[in-house]
Amino acid sequence: MRLVLSLWGMGWALFGLVAFVITGRPGWAIACGVLLAVAVTDLCVIVHRIRQGPHYQPGRDVPPYEPDRGGPGPPEH
């Protein structure tokens, strides 16, 4: 979902950048350019994390945690 939102934001920021450059509003064009840079950076981070794969997933040899039975906690010192 974050990937789709990043692409959506990139599209609108690019559209705003072009529209404000054409209409001669440099302040808004700069704001859209900064937003476009943030969206592109976010997209790069998302793609990098997707390509890394599931790092923190335990393997089949790791047993599941025992459920909390509501007993007393660890002894206090």
C-alpha atoms as a PDB file:
ATOM      1  CA  MET A   1       0.000   0.000   0.000  1.00  0.00           C
ATOM      2  CA  ARG A   2       2.859   2.357   0.784  1.00  0.00           C
ATOM      3  CA  LEU A   3       4.283   1.670  -2.670  1.00  0.00           C
ATOM      4  CA  VAL A   4       1.009   2.660  -4.324  1.00  0.00           C
ATOM      5  CA  LEU A   5       0.715   5.802  -2.192  1.00  0.00           C
ATOM      6  CA  SER A   6       4.273   6.767  -3.041  1.00  0.00           C
ATOM      7  CA  LEU A   7       3.608   6.357  -6.762  1.00  0.00           C
ATOM      8  CA  TRP A   8       0.362   8.321  -6.417  1.00  0.00           C
ATOM      9  CA  GLY A   9       2.193  11.143  -4.643  1.00  0.00           C
ATOM     10  CA  MET A  10       4.938  11.170  -7.240  1.00  0.00           C
ATOM     11  CA  GLY A  11       2.378  11.515 -10.020  1.00  0.00           C
ATOM     12  CA  TRP A  12       0.558  14.421  -8.384  1.00  0.00           C
ATOM     13  CA  ALA A  13       3.767  16.170  -7.365  1.00  0.00           C
ATOM     14  CA  LEU A  14       5.099  15.894 -10.907  1.00  0.00           C
ATOM     15  CA  PHE A  15       1.801  17.182 -12.287  1.00  0.00           C
ATOM     16  CA  GLY A  16       1.878  20.111  -9.854  1.00  0.00           C
ATOM     17  CA  LEU A  17       5.487  20.868 -10.666  1.00  0.00           C
ATOM     18  CA  VAL A  18       4.812  21.020 -14.393  1.00  0.00           C
ATOM     19  CA  ALA A  19       1.565  22.958 -13.970  1.00  0.00           C
ATOM     20  CA  PHE A  20       3.117  25.595 -11.719  1.00  0.00           C
ATOM     21  CA  VAL A  21       6.185  25.986 -13.942  1.00  0.00           C
ATOM     22  CA  ILE A  22       3.914  26.554 -16.946  1.00  0.00           C
ATOM     23  CA  THR A  23       1.757  29.096 -15.100  1.00  0.00           C
ATOM     24  CA  GLY A  24       4.807  30.953 -13.780  1.00  0.00           C
ATOM     25  CA  ARG A  25       4.457  30.317 -10.048  1.00  0.00           C
ATOM     26  CA  PRO A  26       7.981  29.462  -8.916  1.00  0.00           C
ATOM     27  CA  GLY A  27       7.192  29.189  -5.191  1.00  0.00           C
ATOM     28  CA  TRP A  28       4.570  26.495  -5.687  1.00  0.00           C
ATOM     29  CA  ALA A  29       6.781  24.789  -8.291  1.00  0.00           C
ATOM     30  CA  ILE A  30       9.608  24.577  -5.755  1.00  0.00           C
ATOM     31  CA  ALA A  31       7.226  23.174  -3.145  1.00  0.00           C
ATOM     32  CA  CYS A  32       6.036  20.511  -5.592  1.00  0.00           C
ATOM     33  CA  GLY A  33       9.646  19.770  -6.548  1.00  0.00           C
ATOM     34  CA  VAL A  34      10.561  19.199  -2.898  1.00  0.00           C
ATOM     35  CA  LEU A  35       7.507  16.982  -2.453  1.00  0.00           C
ATOM     36  CA  LEU A  36       8.502  15.058  -5.582  1.00  0.00           C
ATOM     37  CA  ALA A  37      12.017  14.533  -4.171  1.00  0.00           C
ATOM     38  CA  VAL A  38      10.546  13.216  -0.908  1.00  0.00           C
ATOM     39  CA  ALA A  39       8.232  10.846  -2.783  1.00  0.00           C
ATOM     40  CA  VAL A  40      11.084   9.558  -4.977  1.00  0.00           C
ATOM     41  CA  THR A  41      13.267   8.991  -1.897  1.00  0.00           C
ATOM     42  CA  ASP A  42      10.417   7.152  -0.188  1.00  0.00           C
ATOM     43  CA  LEU A  43       9.902   5.005  -3.287  1.00  0.00           C
ATOM     44  CA  CYS A  44      13.608   4.115  -3.340  1.00  0.00           C
ATOM     45  CA  VAL A  45      13.473   3.084   0.333  1.00  0.00           C
ATOM     46  CA  ILE A  46      10.354   0.985  -0.289  1.00  0.00           C
ATOM     47  CA  VAL A  47      11.879  -0.819  -3.269  1.00  0.00           C
ATOM     48  CA  HIS A  48      15.106  -1.414  -1.333  1.00  0.00           C
ATOM     49  CA  ARG A  49      13.209  -2.933   1.592  1.00  0.00           C
ATOM     50  CA  ILE A  50      11.112  -5.101  -0.733  1.00  0.00           C
ATOM     51  CA  ARG A  51      14.254  -6.454  -2.376  1.00  0.00           C
ATOM     52  CA  GLN A  52      15.834  -7.219   1.010  1.00  0.00           C
ATOM     53  CA  GLY A  53      13.133  -9.747   1.729  1.00  0.00           C
ATOM     54  CA  PRO A  54      11.839 -11.002   5.047  1.00  0.00           C
ATOM     55  CA  HIS A  55      14.809 -10.449   7.386  1.00  0.00           C
ATOM     56  CA  TYR A  56      13.248 -10.900  10.755  1.00  0.00           C
ATOM     57  CA  GLN A  57      11.128 -13.972  10.095  1.00  0.00           C
ATOM     58  CA  PRO A  58      12.119 -16.988  12.174  1.00  0.00           C
ATOM     59  CA  GLY A  59      12.861 -20.207  10.315  1.00  0.00           C
ATOM     60  CA  ARG A  60      11.102 -23.528  10.641  1.00  0.00           C
ATOM     61  CA  ASP A  61      13.590 -24.664  13.277  1.00  0.00           C
ATOM     62  CA  VAL A  62      12.551 -21.890  15.731  1.00  0.00           C
ATOM     63  CA  PRO A  63       9.768 -23.090  18.028  1.00  0.00           C
ATOM     64  CA  PRO A  64       6.845 -20.738  18.746  1.00  0.00           C
ATOM     65  CA  TYR A  65       6.721 -18.862  22.025  1.00  0.00           C
ATOM     66  CA  GLU A  66       4.772 -20.390  24.858  1.00  0.00           C
ATOM     67  CA  PRO A  67       1.542 -18.461  25.452  1.00  0.00           C
ATOM     68  CA  ASP A  68       1.229 -16.312  28.556  1.00  0.00           C
ATOM     69  CA  ARG A  69      -0.902 -18.208  31.041  1.00  0.00           C
ATOM     70  CA  GLY A  70      -1.321 -15.207  33.353  1.00  0.00           C
ATOM     71  CA  GLY A  71       0.945 -16.608  36.031  1.00  0.00           C
ATOM     72  CA  PRO A  72       3.382 -14.677  38.164  1.00  0.00           C
ATOM     73  CA  GLY A  73       6.049 -12.761  36.344  1.00  0.00           C
ATOM     74  CA  PRO A  74       9.780 -13.143  36.785  1.00  0.00           C
ATOM     75  CA  PRO A  75      11.073 -12.790  40.357  1.00  0.00           C
ATOM     76  CA  GLU A  76      11.967  -9.259  41.385  1.00  0.00           C
ATOM     77  CA  HIS A  77      15.407  -8.534  42.800  1.00  0.00           C
END
